[in-house]
Amino acid sequence: MSDHVYSVKGEWDDEASMWIATSDDVPGLVTEAPTLEALLEKLRVMVPEMLELNGVLPAEAAQRAPFRLIAERLEHPRAVA
C-alpha cells in the first residue's frame, strides 16, 4: 500500500452556509455539506470513488486510500454591546 495521503481542502462558505470540499489530489472532487461531520461522511464515499473513476488508483487500492481534510473558516469577532 502506498504511503501517499490525499489532501482535501474544506472551506466554509458564509453565503451558502455550507462547507465546500475540493482537492488538487483527487480529480473532479467537489462537494458540500452543512457540517464538517456531514462533509466527512460524504468524503469517505466520494474520495475512493473519484480516485477509481479517474484512473488514479484501482478499486481495491482506492478503498484503502487515506485522505486528510484540511478545514478553514474565517470568523470575525462580534462586538459586545
C-alpha atoms as a PDB file:
ATOM      1  CA  MET A   1       0.000   0.000   0.000  1.00  0.00           C
ATOM      2  CA  SER A   2       1.238   3.494  -0.826  1.00  0.00           C
ATOM      3  CA  ASP A   3       2.128   5.949   1.924  1.00  0.00           C
ATOM      4  CA  HIS A   4       0.513   8.767  -0.057  1.00  0.00           C
ATOM      5  CA  VAL A   5      -2.150  10.726   1.823  1.00  0.00           C
ATOM      6  CA  TYR A   6      -4.589  12.599  -0.418  1.00  0.00           C
ATOM      7  CA  SER A   7      -5.318  16.183   0.623  1.00  0.00           C
ATOM      8  CA  VAL A   8      -8.830  17.619   0.593  1.00  0.00           C
ATOM      9  CA  LYS A   9      -9.477  21.278   1.366  1.00  0.00           C
ATOM     10  CA  GLY A  10     -12.667  22.275   3.160  1.00  0.00           C
ATOM     11  CA  GLU A  11     -13.718  25.918   3.222  1.00  0.00           C
ATOM     12  CA  TRP A  12     -16.721  27.483   4.896  1.00  0.00           C
ATOM     13  CA  ASP A  13     -18.974  29.467   2.543  1.00  0.00           C
ATOM     14  CA  ASP A  14     -20.824  32.075   4.631  1.00  0.00           C
ATOM     15  CA  GLU A  15     -23.220  32.918   1.826  1.00  0.00           C
ATOM     16  CA  ALA A  16     -24.310  29.306   1.285  1.00  0.00           C
ATOM     17  CA  SER A  17     -23.860  28.295   4.961  1.00  0.00           C
ATOM     18  CA  MET A  18     -22.066  25.182   3.730  1.00  0.00           C
ATOM     19  CA  TRP A  19     -18.665  23.538   3.877  1.00  0.00           C
ATOM     20  CA  ILE A  20     -17.237  23.182   0.357  1.00  0.00           C
ATOM     21  CA  ALA A  21     -14.630  20.481  -0.331  1.00  0.00           C
ATOM     22  CA  THR A  22     -12.218  20.432  -3.280  1.00  0.00           C
ATOM     23  CA  SER A  23      -8.918  18.708  -3.956  1.00  0.00           C
ATOM     24  CA  ASP A  24      -5.940  19.025  -6.267  1.00  0.00           C
ATOM     25  CA  ASP A  25      -5.057  15.410  -5.348  1.00  0.00           C
ATOM     26  CA  VAL A  26      -8.462  13.889  -6.128  1.00  0.00           C
ATOM     27  CA  PRO A  27      -9.503  14.834  -9.682  1.00  0.00           C
ATOM     28  CA  GLY A  28     -13.086  16.015 -10.044  1.00  0.00           C
ATOM     29  CA  LEU A  29     -13.821  16.175  -6.316  1.00  0.00           C
ATOM     30  CA  VAL A  30     -16.257  18.929  -5.402  1.00  0.00           C
ATOM     31  CA  THR A  31     -18.941  18.526  -2.761  1.00  0.00           C
ATOM     32  CA  GLU A  32     -20.663  20.423   0.018  1.00  0.00           C
ATOM     33  CA  ALA A  33     -22.337  19.787   3.349  1.00  0.00           C
ATOM     34  CA  PRO A  34     -23.786  21.874   6.191  1.00  0.00           C
ATOM     35  CA  THR A  35     -21.408  20.486   8.861  1.00  0.00           C
ATOM     36  CA  LEU A  36     -17.859  19.191   8.924  1.00  0.00           C
ATOM     37  CA  GLU A  37     -19.075  15.803  10.153  1.00  0.00           C
ATOM     38  CA  ALA A  38     -21.536  15.554   7.246  1.00  0.00           C
ATOM     39  CA  LEU A  39     -18.763  16.596   4.865  1.00  0.00           C
ATOM     40  CA  LEU A  40     -16.506  13.833   6.202  1.00  0.00           C
ATOM     41  CA  GLU A  41     -19.267  11.259   5.719  1.00  0.00           C
ATOM     42  CA  LYS A  42     -19.594  12.281   2.072  1.00  0.00           C
ATOM     43  CA  LEU A  43     -15.836  12.318   1.537  1.00  0.00           C
ATOM     44  CA  ARG A  44     -15.429   8.788   2.933  1.00  0.00           C
ATOM     45  CA  VAL A  45     -17.517   7.611  -0.018  1.00  0.00           C
ATOM     46  CA  MET A  46     -16.536  10.129  -2.687  1.00  0.00           C
ATOM     47  CA  VAL A  47     -12.743  10.136  -2.360  1.00  0.00           C
ATOM     48  CA  PRO A  48     -12.343   6.418  -3.175  1.00  0.00           C
ATOM     49  CA  GLU A  49     -14.975   6.664  -5.936  1.00  0.00           C
ATOM     50  CA  MET A  50     -13.265   9.626  -7.599  1.00  0.00           C
ATOM     51  CA  LEU A  51      -9.806   8.054  -7.323  1.00  0.00           C
ATOM     52  CA  GLU A  52     -11.099   4.933  -9.044  1.00  0.00           C
ATOM     53  CA  LEU A  53     -13.298   6.655 -11.660  1.00  0.00           C
ATOM     54  CA  ASN A  54     -10.464   8.959 -12.722  1.00  0.00           C
ATOM     55  CA  GLY A  55      -7.953   6.140 -13.015  1.00  0.00           C
ATOM     56  CA  VAL A  56      -5.740   7.347 -10.175  1.00  0.00           C
ATOM     57  CA  LEU A  57      -5.973   4.019  -8.315  1.00  0.00           C
ATOM     58  CA  PRO A  58      -7.530   0.612  -8.932  1.00  0.00           C
ATOM     59  CA  ALA A  59     -10.752  -0.081  -6.973  1.00  0.00           C
ATOM     60  CA  GLU A  60      -9.170  -2.095  -4.156  1.00  0.00           C
ATOM     61  CA  ALA A  61      -6.408   0.458  -3.528  1.00  0.00           C
ATOM     62  CA  ALA A  62      -8.842   3.384  -3.769  1.00  0.00           C
ATOM     63  CA  GLN A  63     -10.978   1.894  -0.988  1.00  0.00           C
ATOM     64  CA  ARG A  64      -7.940   1.957   1.332  1.00  0.00           C
ATOM     65  CA  ALA A  65      -6.510   5.333   0.281  1.00  0.00           C
ATOM     66  CA  PRO A  66      -6.156   7.712   3.239  1.00  0.00           C
ATOM     67  CA  PHE A  67      -7.137  11.346   2.926  1.00  0.00           C
ATOM     68  CA  ARG A  68      -6.645  14.414   5.080  1.00  0.00           C
ATOM     69  CA  LEU A  69      -9.351  17.058   5.351  1.00  0.00           C
ATOM     70  CA  ILE A  70      -7.842  20.487   5.953  1.00  0.00           C
ATOM     71  CA  ALA A  71     -10.659  22.814   7.020  1.00  0.00           C
ATOM     72  CA  GLU A  72     -10.585  26.613   7.103  1.00  0.00           C
ATOM     73  CA  ARG A  73     -13.205  29.021   8.359  1.00  0.00           C
ATOM     74  CA  LEU A  74     -12.685  32.746   8.724  1.00  0.00           C
ATOM     75  CA  GLU A  75     -14.524  34.247  11.691  1.00  0.00           C
ATOM     76  CA  HIS A  76     -14.952  37.860  12.727  1.00  0.00           C
ATOM     77  CA  PRO A  77     -15.485  38.664  16.408  1.00  0.00           C
ATOM     78  CA  ARG A  78     -18.874  40.106  17.225  1.00  0.00           C
ATOM     79  CA  ALA A  79     -18.940  43.410  19.072  1.00  0.00           C
ATOM     80  CA  VAL A  80     -20.281  43.144  22.603  1.00  0.00           C
ATOM     81  CA  ALA A  81     -22.921  45.770  23.295  1.00  0.00           C
END
